[in-house]
Amino acid sequence: MLRNFTATAKNDAPRVLYENEYVQVLDRDGYYYWHEKQNLGVALLVYRGNGFEFLGRFELNPAHSTELEACSITGKIDGGETARLAAIRELKEETGYQCGSKDLEELGLFYPFKSSDYRLHGFAIDVSGQRRGKAKGDGSKAEEKANCKWLSRKELLQSNDAIVGALVARWLLG
């Protein structure tokens, strides 16, 4: 059973150790973590056939590898966007599928990393019977050769991306 609790740090305001236009490295009473200036995003679990197949995203993740690897379908929430609108945009951008707000199943808000205050809104979407369009990506070098492929649950869960496992677990328990 998960328990909610409030921890009070000796000093509520963290000390900035490093900062640039994108990220800060912070120290809160000896605990070091990073903070992205735009620290809110979405993560999508795309499935069809009552969850017998999941859409795997394969892209370059320079922090982990120089090869394409299975990862979660994620993206940042742009200024003025709701989490649902960002999920709809990211679904089309990264997979080529389209949906409406009512088609998204909420999986909740979670922190994907202990070493960051980054937060993700999780969503699941059933695309059974839908026709897939062209995924355009976001234009970044990391997404240049990115692609999607249908995977079994077992294949999807072999990904080293912990966000994938969190999305599947929340969807199964939903």
N, C-alpha and C. Protein backbone atom coordinates (compact mmCIF):
# COMPACT_ATOMS: atom_id res chain seq x y z
N MET A 1 0.83 -1.17 0.00
CA MET A 1 0.00 0.00 0.00
C MET A 1 0.88 1.25 0.00
N LEU A 2 0.60 2.17 -0.91
CA LEU A 2 1.34 3.41 -0.95
C LEU A 2 0.79 4.37 0.10
N ARG A 3 1.67 5.06 0.76
CA ARG A 3 1.24 6.02 1.78
C ARG A 3 1.68 7.42 1.36
N ASN A 4 0.82 8.37 1.59
CA ASN A 4 1.17 9.76 1.33
C ASN A 4 1.77 10.35 2.59
N PHE A 5 2.83 11.11 2.42
CA PHE A 5 3.43 11.78 3.55
C PHE A 5 4.06 13.07 3.09
N THR A 6 4.29 13.97 4.02
CA THR A 6 4.93 15.22 3.71
C THR A 6 6.26 15.27 4.44
N ALA A 7 7.32 15.44 3.69
CA ALA A 7 8.64 15.57 4.29
C ALA A 7 8.99 17.05 4.32
N THR A 8 9.48 17.51 5.42
CA THR A 8 9.88 18.91 5.54
C THR A 8 11.39 18.99 5.53
N ALA A 9 11.93 19.65 4.55
CA ALA A 9 13.37 19.84 4.47
C ALA A 9 13.78 20.96 5.42
N LYS A 10 15.04 20.93 5.88
CA LYS A 10 15.54 21.99 6.77
C LYS A 10 15.44 23.34 6.08
N ASN A 11 15.75 23.36 4.81
CA ASN A 11 15.73 24.58 4.04
C ASN A 11 14.80 24.36 2.86
N ASP A 12 13.65 25.01 2.83
CA ASP A 12 12.66 24.76 1.78
C ASP A 12 13.14 25.17 0.40
N ALA A 13 13.96 26.21 0.28
CA ALA A 13 14.42 26.67 -1.03
C ALA A 13 15.73 25.96 -1.39
N PRO A 14 15.76 25.25 -2.53
CA PRO A 14 17.01 24.58 -2.93
C PRO A 14 18.06 25.60 -3.38
N ARG A 15 19.31 25.21 -3.27
CA ARG A 15 20.43 26.04 -3.71
C ARG A 15 20.77 25.66 -5.15
N VAL A 16 20.91 26.65 -6.02
CA VAL A 16 21.24 26.43 -7.43
C VAL A 16 22.75 26.22 -7.55
N LEU A 17 23.15 25.03 -8.02
CA LEU A 17 24.57 24.71 -8.23
C LEU A 17 25.03 25.04 -9.63
N TYR A 18 24.11 24.91 -10.60
CA TYR A 18 24.41 25.18 -12.00
C TYR A 18 23.11 25.56 -12.68
N GLU A 19 23.21 26.45 -13.66
CA GLU A 19 22.00 26.85 -14.39
C GLU A 19 22.37 27.33 -15.78
N ASN A 20 21.54 26.93 -16.77
CA ASN A 20 21.61 27.51 -18.10
C ASN A 20 20.17 27.76 -18.56
N GLU A 21 19.96 28.04 -19.83
CA GLU A 21 18.61 28.38 -20.28
C GLU A 21 17.63 27.20 -20.25
N TYR A 22 18.14 25.98 -20.12
CA TYR A 22 17.28 24.79 -20.16
C TYR A 22 17.12 24.09 -18.82
N VAL A 23 18.18 24.06 -18.02
CA VAL A 23 18.19 23.18 -16.85
C VAL A 23 18.91 23.84 -15.67
N GLN A 24 18.53 23.39 -14.48
CA GLN A 24 19.23 23.76 -13.25
C GLN A 24 19.65 22.47 -12.54
N VAL A 25 20.80 22.50 -11.87
CA VAL A 25 21.18 21.44 -10.96
C VAL A 25 21.04 22.05 -9.57
N LEU A 26 20.26 21.38 -8.73
CA LEU A 26 19.89 21.93 -7.43
C LEU A 26 20.37 21.06 -6.29
N ASP A 27 20.55 21.69 -5.13
CA ASP A 27 20.93 21.01 -3.88
C ASP A 27 19.90 21.38 -2.83
N ARG A 28 19.20 20.39 -2.34
CA ARG A 28 18.26 20.61 -1.24
C ARG A 28 18.75 19.78 -0.07
N ASP A 29 19.45 20.42 0.84
CA ASP A 29 19.97 19.77 2.05
C ASP A 29 20.76 18.51 1.74
N GLY A 30 21.66 18.60 0.75
CA GLY A 30 22.53 17.48 0.42
C GLY A 30 21.95 16.51 -0.59
N TYR A 31 20.72 16.73 -1.06
CA TYR A 31 20.13 15.89 -2.11
C TYR A 31 20.20 16.68 -3.41
N TYR A 32 20.93 16.15 -4.38
CA TYR A 32 21.14 16.83 -5.65
C TYR A 32 20.16 16.30 -6.69
N TYR A 33 19.57 17.21 -7.43
CA TYR A 33 18.65 16.81 -8.49
C TYR A 33 18.65 17.87 -9.59
N TRP A 34 18.10 17.48 -10.74
CA TRP A 34 18.02 18.43 -11.85
C TRP A 34 16.60 18.87 -12.08
N HIS A 35 16.49 20.09 -12.58
CA HIS A 35 15.19 20.71 -12.85
C HIS A 35 15.23 21.29 -14.26
N GLU A 36 14.37 20.75 -15.14
CA GLU A 36 14.24 21.34 -16.47
C GLU A 36 13.32 22.54 -16.34
N LYS A 37 13.64 23.61 -17.05
CA LYS A 37 12.81 24.83 -16.96
C LYS A 37 11.39 24.54 -17.46
N GLN A 38 11.25 23.64 -18.42
CA GLN A 38 9.94 23.19 -18.90
C GLN A 38 9.81 21.76 -18.41
N ASN A 39 9.30 21.56 -17.21
CA ASN A 39 9.38 20.25 -16.56
C ASN A 39 8.06 19.49 -16.49
N LEU A 40 7.22 19.69 -17.47
CA LEU A 40 5.94 18.99 -17.49
C LEU A 40 5.72 18.40 -18.88
N GLY A 41 5.41 17.10 -18.92
CA GLY A 41 5.23 16.44 -20.21
C GLY A 41 4.12 15.42 -20.19
N VAL A 42 4.01 14.69 -21.29
CA VAL A 42 3.01 13.63 -21.44
C VAL A 42 3.70 12.35 -21.88
N ALA A 43 3.10 11.23 -21.53
CA ALA A 43 3.56 9.91 -21.97
C ALA A 43 2.35 9.12 -22.43
N LEU A 44 2.48 8.41 -23.54
CA LEU A 44 1.35 7.72 -24.14
C LEU A 44 1.60 6.22 -24.25
N LEU A 45 0.59 5.44 -23.92
CA LEU A 45 0.58 4.00 -24.15
C LEU A 45 -0.44 3.77 -25.26
N VAL A 46 0.03 3.39 -26.44
CA VAL A 46 -0.82 3.21 -27.61
C VAL A 46 -1.01 1.70 -27.83
N TYR A 47 -2.27 1.27 -27.89
CA TYR A 47 -2.53 -0.16 -28.03
C TYR A 47 -3.68 -0.42 -29.00
N ARG A 48 -3.82 -1.69 -29.38
CA ARG A 48 -4.95 -2.13 -30.20
C ARG A 48 -5.25 -3.58 -29.84
N GLY A 49 -6.44 -4.02 -30.19
CA GLY A 49 -6.81 -5.41 -29.94
C GLY A 49 -6.91 -5.75 -28.47
N ASN A 50 -7.56 -4.92 -27.69
CA ASN A 50 -7.74 -5.14 -26.25
C ASN A 50 -6.42 -5.30 -25.50
N GLY A 51 -5.38 -4.64 -25.99
CA GLY A 51 -4.10 -4.66 -25.30
C GLY A 51 -3.21 -5.84 -25.64
N PHE A 52 -3.50 -6.52 -26.76
CA PHE A 52 -2.63 -7.62 -27.17
C PHE A 52 -1.44 -7.12 -27.96
N GLU A 53 -1.54 -5.90 -28.50
CA GLU A 53 -0.44 -5.28 -29.22
C GLU A 53 -0.27 -3.84 -28.76
N PHE A 54 0.97 -3.43 -28.62
CA PHE A 54 1.30 -2.08 -28.20
C PHE A 54 2.24 -1.47 -29.23
N LEU A 55 2.08 -0.17 -29.45
CA LEU A 55 2.93 0.51 -30.40
C LEU A 55 4.23 0.91 -29.70
N GLY A 56 5.32 0.32 -30.14
CA GLY A 56 6.64 0.64 -29.59
C GLY A 56 7.27 1.76 -30.39
N ARG A 57 7.92 2.66 -29.71
CA ARG A 57 8.62 3.78 -30.35
C ARG A 57 10.11 3.48 -30.30
N PHE A 58 10.77 3.58 -31.43
CA PHE A 58 12.21 3.33 -31.52
C PHE A 58 12.88 4.62 -31.97
N GLU A 59 13.73 5.15 -31.11
CA GLU A 59 14.43 6.38 -31.46
C GLU A 59 15.79 6.42 -30.78
N LEU A 60 16.60 7.36 -31.21
CA LEU A 60 17.92 7.56 -30.65
C LEU A 60 17.78 8.29 -29.31
N ASN A 61 18.38 7.73 -28.29
CA ASN A 61 18.42 8.34 -26.96
C ASN A 61 19.88 8.53 -26.59
N PRO A 62 20.49 9.66 -26.96
CA PRO A 62 21.93 9.86 -26.80
C PRO A 62 22.46 9.64 -25.39
N ALA A 63 21.64 9.83 -24.38
CA ALA A 63 22.11 9.61 -23.00
C ALA A 63 22.33 8.13 -22.71
N HIS A 64 21.72 7.24 -23.52
CA HIS A 64 21.79 5.80 -23.26
C HIS A 64 22.56 5.02 -24.31
N SER A 65 22.46 5.44 -25.57
CA SER A 65 23.01 4.62 -26.65
C SER A 65 23.18 5.45 -27.92
N THR A 66 23.98 4.93 -28.83
CA THR A 66 24.11 5.56 -30.15
C THR A 66 23.25 4.83 -31.19
N GLU A 67 22.48 3.85 -30.73
CA GLU A 67 21.60 3.07 -31.60
C GLU A 67 20.14 3.38 -31.29
N LEU A 68 19.25 3.09 -32.24
CA LEU A 68 17.83 3.22 -31.97
C LEU A 68 17.45 2.22 -30.88
N GLU A 69 16.60 2.64 -29.97
CA GLU A 69 16.15 1.73 -28.91
C GLU A 69 14.68 1.99 -28.59
N ALA A 70 14.03 0.96 -28.07
CA ALA A 70 12.62 1.07 -27.71
C ALA A 70 12.48 2.04 -26.54
N CYS A 71 11.53 2.94 -26.67
CA CYS A 71 11.31 3.93 -25.62
C CYS A 71 9.84 4.31 -25.58
N SER A 72 9.49 5.09 -24.60
CA SER A 72 8.11 5.54 -24.45
C SER A 72 7.81 6.66 -25.44
N ILE A 73 6.54 6.83 -25.73
CA ILE A 73 6.08 7.92 -26.58
C ILE A 73 5.81 9.09 -25.65
N THR A 74 6.67 10.09 -25.70
CA THR A 74 6.59 11.21 -24.75
C THR A 74 6.78 12.54 -25.46
N GLY A 75 6.46 13.60 -24.76
CA GLY A 75 6.71 14.94 -25.27
C GLY A 75 6.40 15.97 -24.21
N LYS A 76 6.89 17.16 -24.43
CA LYS A 76 6.67 18.26 -23.49
C LYS A 76 5.31 18.90 -23.75
N ILE A 77 4.79 19.52 -22.71
CA ILE A 77 3.57 20.32 -22.83
C ILE A 77 4.02 21.73 -23.18
N ASP A 78 3.60 22.21 -24.34
CA ASP A 78 3.97 23.55 -24.78
C ASP A 78 3.18 24.61 -24.01
N GLY A 79 3.72 25.80 -23.95
CA GLY A 79 3.06 26.91 -23.26
C GLY A 79 1.63 27.10 -23.74
N GLY A 80 0.69 27.20 -22.81
CA GLY A 80 -0.72 27.40 -23.15
C GLY A 80 -1.46 26.12 -23.49
N GLU A 81 -0.77 24.99 -23.54
CA GLU A 81 -1.37 23.70 -23.88
C GLU A 81 -1.81 22.97 -22.62
N THR A 82 -2.90 22.24 -22.69
CA THR A 82 -3.27 21.34 -21.61
C THR A 82 -2.55 20.01 -21.83
N ALA A 83 -2.54 19.17 -20.82
CA ALA A 83 -1.92 17.85 -20.97
C ALA A 83 -2.62 17.05 -22.07
N ARG A 84 -3.93 17.12 -22.14
CA ARG A 84 -4.67 16.39 -23.16
C ARG A 84 -4.32 16.87 -24.57
N LEU A 85 -4.24 18.19 -24.75
CA LEU A 85 -3.88 18.72 -26.07
C LEU A 85 -2.46 18.32 -26.46
N ALA A 86 -1.54 18.32 -25.49
CA ALA A 86 -0.17 17.88 -25.76
C ALA A 86 -0.15 16.40 -26.15
N ALA A 87 -0.95 15.58 -25.47
CA ALA A 87 -1.01 14.15 -25.79
C ALA A 87 -1.53 13.93 -27.21
N ILE A 88 -2.57 14.68 -27.60
CA ILE A 88 -3.12 14.57 -28.95
C ILE A 88 -2.06 14.97 -29.98
N ARG A 89 -1.34 16.06 -29.72
CA ARG A 89 -0.29 16.53 -30.64
C ARG A 89 0.85 15.53 -30.73
N GLU A 90 1.32 15.03 -29.59
CA GLU A 90 2.42 14.08 -29.58
C GLU A 90 2.04 12.76 -30.25
N LEU A 91 0.80 12.31 -30.06
CA LEU A 91 0.33 11.08 -30.70
C LEU A 91 0.47 11.22 -32.22
N LYS A 92 0.01 12.32 -32.77
CA LYS A 92 0.08 12.52 -34.22
C LYS A 92 1.53 12.71 -34.67
N GLU A 93 2.28 13.52 -33.92
CA GLU A 93 3.67 13.83 -34.28
C GLU A 93 4.57 12.60 -34.27
N GLU A 94 4.42 11.74 -33.26
CA GLU A 94 5.34 10.61 -33.10
C GLU A 94 4.83 9.29 -33.66
N THR A 95 3.50 9.17 -33.86
CA THR A 95 2.98 7.89 -34.34
C THR A 95 2.20 7.98 -35.65
N GLY A 96 1.67 9.15 -35.95
CA GLY A 96 0.83 9.29 -37.14
C GLY A 96 -0.64 9.04 -36.86
N TYR A 97 -0.99 8.61 -35.66
CA TYR A 97 -2.40 8.40 -35.29
C TYR A 97 -3.00 9.70 -34.79
N GLN A 98 -4.32 9.81 -34.95
CA GLN A 98 -5.04 10.99 -34.46
C GLN A 98 -6.13 10.54 -33.50
N CYS A 99 -6.45 11.42 -32.56
CA CYS A 99 -7.53 11.12 -31.63
C CYS A 99 -8.11 12.42 -31.11
N GLY A 100 -9.23 12.30 -30.41
CA GLY A 100 -9.83 13.44 -29.73
C GLY A 100 -9.59 13.31 -28.24
N SER A 101 -9.87 14.36 -27.52
CA SER A 101 -9.65 14.38 -26.08
C SER A 101 -10.40 13.26 -25.36
N LYS A 102 -11.62 12.98 -25.82
CA LYS A 102 -12.45 11.94 -25.16
C LYS A 102 -11.90 10.53 -25.37
N ASP A 103 -11.03 10.36 -26.36
CA ASP A 103 -10.45 9.04 -26.64
C ASP A 103 -9.31 8.67 -25.69
N LEU A 104 -8.78 9.65 -24.97
CA LEU A 104 -7.64 9.42 -24.08
C LEU A 104 -8.10 8.91 -22.73
N GLU A 105 -7.46 7.86 -22.26
CA GLU A 105 -7.72 7.30 -20.93
C GLU A 105 -6.61 7.81 -20.01
N GLU A 106 -6.99 8.54 -18.97
CA GLU A 106 -5.99 9.10 -18.05
C GLU A 106 -5.36 8.01 -17.19
N LEU A 107 -4.04 8.06 -17.10
CA LEU A 107 -3.30 7.12 -16.25
C LEU A 107 -2.66 7.82 -15.06
N GLY A 108 -2.88 9.11 -14.94
CA GLY A 108 -2.40 9.85 -13.78
C GLY A 108 -1.09 10.58 -14.01
N LEU A 109 -0.70 11.31 -13.01
CA LEU A 109 0.53 12.10 -13.01
C LEU A 109 1.60 11.33 -12.25
N PHE A 110 2.81 11.29 -12.78
CA PHE A 110 3.89 10.61 -12.06
C PHE A 110 5.24 11.25 -12.32
N TYR A 111 6.18 10.98 -11.43
CA TYR A 111 7.56 11.44 -11.55
C TYR A 111 8.38 10.28 -12.09
N PRO A 112 8.92 10.40 -13.31
CA PRO A 112 9.65 9.26 -13.88
C PRO A 112 11.06 9.07 -13.35
N PHE A 113 11.62 10.07 -12.66
CA PHE A 113 13.00 9.98 -12.19
C PHE A 113 13.09 10.44 -10.75
N LYS A 114 13.84 9.77 -9.92
CA LYS A 114 14.08 10.22 -8.55
C LYS A 114 15.01 11.42 -8.51
N SER A 115 15.82 11.57 -9.53
CA SER A 115 16.83 12.63 -9.54
C SER A 115 16.35 13.90 -10.26
N SER A 116 15.04 14.04 -10.41
CA SER A 116 14.49 15.20 -11.10
C SER A 116 13.09 15.49 -10.59
N ASP A 117 12.66 16.74 -10.77
CA ASP A 117 11.28 17.09 -10.43
C ASP A 117 10.39 17.09 -11.67
N TYR A 118 10.86 16.47 -12.76
CA TYR A 118 10.10 16.36 -14.00
C TYR A 118 8.83 15.54 -13.75
N ARG A 119 7.71 15.97 -14.33
CA ARG A 119 6.43 15.27 -14.14
C ARG A 119 5.82 14.92 -15.49
N LEU A 120 5.18 13.77 -15.54
CA LEU A 120 4.50 13.31 -16.76
C LEU A 120 3.03 13.02 -16.47
N HIS A 121 2.18 13.45 -17.39
CA HIS A 121 0.78 13.03 -17.39
C HIS A 121 0.70 11.81 -18.29
N GLY A 122 0.27 10.67 -17.76
CA GLY A 122 0.17 9.46 -18.55
C GLY A 122 -1.20 9.29 -19.16
N PHE A 123 -1.24 8.79 -20.38
CA PHE A 123 -2.50 8.52 -21.08
C PHE A 123 -2.37 7.21 -21.86
N ALA A 124 -3.49 6.51 -22.02
CA ALA A 124 -3.56 5.34 -22.89
C ALA A 124 -4.57 5.66 -23.99
N ILE A 125 -4.35 5.06 -25.15
CA ILE A 125 -5.26 5.28 -26.28
C ILE A 125 -5.37 3.99 -27.09
N ASP A 126 -6.60 3.59 -27.35
CA ASP A 126 -6.87 2.41 -28.19
C ASP A 126 -7.06 2.90 -29.62
N VAL A 127 -6.21 2.46 -30.53
CA VAL A 127 -6.29 2.89 -31.93
C VAL A 127 -6.81 1.77 -32.83
N SER A 128 -7.45 0.77 -32.24
CA SER A 128 -8.01 -0.34 -33.04
C SER A 128 -8.89 0.22 -34.14
N GLY A 129 -8.69 -0.28 -35.34
CA GLY A 129 -9.51 0.11 -36.48
C GLY A 129 -9.15 1.45 -37.10
N GLN A 130 -8.22 2.17 -36.52
CA GLN A 130 -7.84 3.47 -37.09
C GLN A 130 -6.75 3.29 -38.13
N ARG A 131 -6.74 4.18 -39.08
CA ARG A 131 -5.71 4.20 -40.10
C ARG A 131 -4.58 5.13 -39.64
N ARG A 132 -3.37 4.65 -39.79
CA ARG A 132 -2.22 5.43 -39.34
C ARG A 132 -1.68 6.33 -40.45
N GLY A 133 -1.51 7.60 -40.12
CA GLY A 133 -0.92 8.56 -41.05
C GLY A 133 0.60 8.59 -40.90
N LYS A 134 1.21 9.57 -41.49
CA LYS A 134 2.67 9.71 -41.43
C LYS A 134 3.07 10.44 -40.15
N ALA A 135 4.00 9.85 -39.42
CA ALA A 135 4.54 10.50 -38.22
C ALA A 135 5.63 11.47 -38.67
N LYS A 136 5.50 12.72 -38.28
CA LYS A 136 6.44 13.75 -38.73
C LYS A 136 7.59 13.98 -37.77
N GLY A 137 7.44 13.58 -36.52
CA GLY A 137 8.47 13.85 -35.53
C GLY A 137 8.54 15.33 -35.19
N ASP A 138 9.50 15.70 -34.38
CA ASP A 138 9.61 17.10 -33.97
C ASP A 138 10.75 17.82 -34.68
N GLY A 139 11.39 17.14 -35.64
CA GLY A 139 12.46 17.76 -36.39
C GLY A 139 13.84 17.65 -35.74
N SER A 140 13.91 17.06 -34.55
CA SER A 140 15.20 16.94 -33.87
C SER A 140 16.03 15.81 -34.48
N LYS A 141 17.35 15.90 -34.30
CA LYS A 141 18.27 14.87 -34.81
C LYS A 141 17.96 13.51 -34.18
N ALA A 142 17.57 13.51 -32.90
CA ALA A 142 17.26 12.26 -32.19
C ALA A 142 16.08 11.53 -32.83
N GLU A 143 15.17 12.28 -33.46
CA GLU A 143 13.98 11.65 -34.06
C GLU A 143 14.11 11.44 -35.57
N GLU A 144 15.27 11.78 -36.14
CA GLU A 144 15.48 11.67 -37.57
C GLU A 144 15.16 10.29 -38.13
N LYS A 145 15.63 9.24 -37.46
CA LYS A 145 15.43 7.86 -37.93
C LYS A 145 14.42 7.11 -37.07
N ALA A 146 13.69 7.83 -36.24
CA ALA A 146 12.72 7.20 -35.33
C ALA A 146 11.62 6.51 -36.13
N ASN A 147 11.09 5.45 -35.53
CA ASN A 147 9.98 4.74 -36.15
C ASN A 147 9.16 4.04 -35.07
N CYS A 148 8.01 3.56 -35.46
CA CYS A 148 7.13 2.83 -34.54
C CYS A 148 6.86 1.45 -35.12
N LYS A 149 6.65 0.49 -34.22
CA LYS A 149 6.41 -0.89 -34.63
C LYS A 149 5.48 -1.54 -33.60
N TRP A 150 4.54 -2.36 -34.07
CA TRP A 150 3.65 -3.06 -33.15
C TRP A 150 4.40 -4.18 -32.45
N LEU A 151 4.23 -4.26 -31.13
CA LEU A 151 4.93 -5.24 -30.29
C LEU A 151 3.94 -5.96 -29.39
N SER A 152 4.30 -7.16 -28.99
CA SER A 152 3.52 -7.86 -27.97
C SER A 152 3.81 -7.18 -26.63
N ARG A 153 3.01 -7.47 -25.62
CA ARG A 153 3.24 -6.91 -24.28
C ARG A 153 4.63 -7.30 -23.78
N LYS A 154 5.00 -8.57 -24.00
CA LYS A 154 6.31 -9.05 -23.56
C LYS A 154 7.43 -8.28 -24.25
N GLU A 155 7.31 -8.10 -25.56
CA GLU A 155 8.34 -7.35 -26.30
C GLU A 155 8.43 -5.91 -25.81
N LEU A 156 7.28 -5.28 -25.59
CA LEU A 156 7.27 -3.89 -25.12
C LEU A 156 7.95 -3.77 -23.76
N LEU A 157 7.65 -4.71 -22.87
CA LEU A 157 8.20 -4.64 -21.52
C LEU A 157 9.68 -5.00 -21.45
N GLN A 158 10.26 -5.43 -22.55
CA GLN A 158 11.71 -5.66 -22.59
C GLN A 158 12.48 -4.36 -22.81
N SER A 159 11.77 -3.27 -23.03
CA SER A 159 12.40 -1.97 -23.18
C SER A 159 13.09 -1.60 -21.86
N ASN A 160 14.21 -0.91 -21.95
CA ASN A 160 14.91 -0.42 -20.77
C ASN A 160 14.31 0.87 -20.24
N ASP A 161 13.31 1.39 -20.91
CA ASP A 161 12.66 2.64 -20.52
C ASP A 161 11.64 2.36 -19.40
N ALA A 162 11.91 2.86 -18.21
CA ALA A 162 11.04 2.62 -17.05
C ALA A 162 9.66 3.23 -17.22
N ILE A 163 9.55 4.27 -18.03
CA ILE A 163 8.25 4.91 -18.25
C ILE A 163 7.29 3.92 -18.92
N VAL A 164 7.81 3.11 -19.84
CA VAL A 164 6.99 2.09 -20.51
C VAL A 164 6.35 1.17 -19.47
N GLY A 165 7.16 0.65 -18.56
CA GLY A 165 6.64 -0.25 -17.52
C GLY A 165 5.62 0.43 -16.63
N ALA A 166 5.85 1.68 -16.28
CA ALA A 166 4.91 2.43 -15.44
C ALA A 166 3.58 2.61 -16.14
N LEU A 167 3.61 2.94 -17.43
CA LEU A 167 2.37 3.12 -18.18
C LEU A 167 1.59 1.82 -18.28
N VAL A 168 2.28 0.73 -18.59
CA VAL A 168 1.60 -0.57 -18.70
C VAL A 168 0.99 -0.97 -17.36
N ALA A 169 1.75 -0.80 -16.28
CA ALA A 169 1.24 -1.17 -14.95
C ALA A 169 0.00 -0.36 -14.58
N ARG A 170 0.04 0.93 -14.81
CA ARG A 170 -1.13 1.76 -14.48
C ARG A 170 -2.32 1.42 -15.35
N TRP A 171 -2.06 1.11 -16.62
CA TRP A 171 -3.15 0.74 -17.53
C TRP A 171 -3.77 -0.58 -17.10
N LEU A 172 -2.95 -1.58 -16.77
CA LEU A 172 -3.45 -2.89 -16.35
C LEU A 172 -4.23 -2.81 -15.04
N LEU A 173 -3.78 -1.95 -14.14
CA LEU A 173 -4.45 -1.81 -12.84
C LEU A 173 -5.65 -0.89 -12.88
N GLY A 174 -5.76 -0.11 -14.00
CA GLY A 174 -6.79 0.92 -14.15
C GLY A 174 -8.16 0.42 -13.96
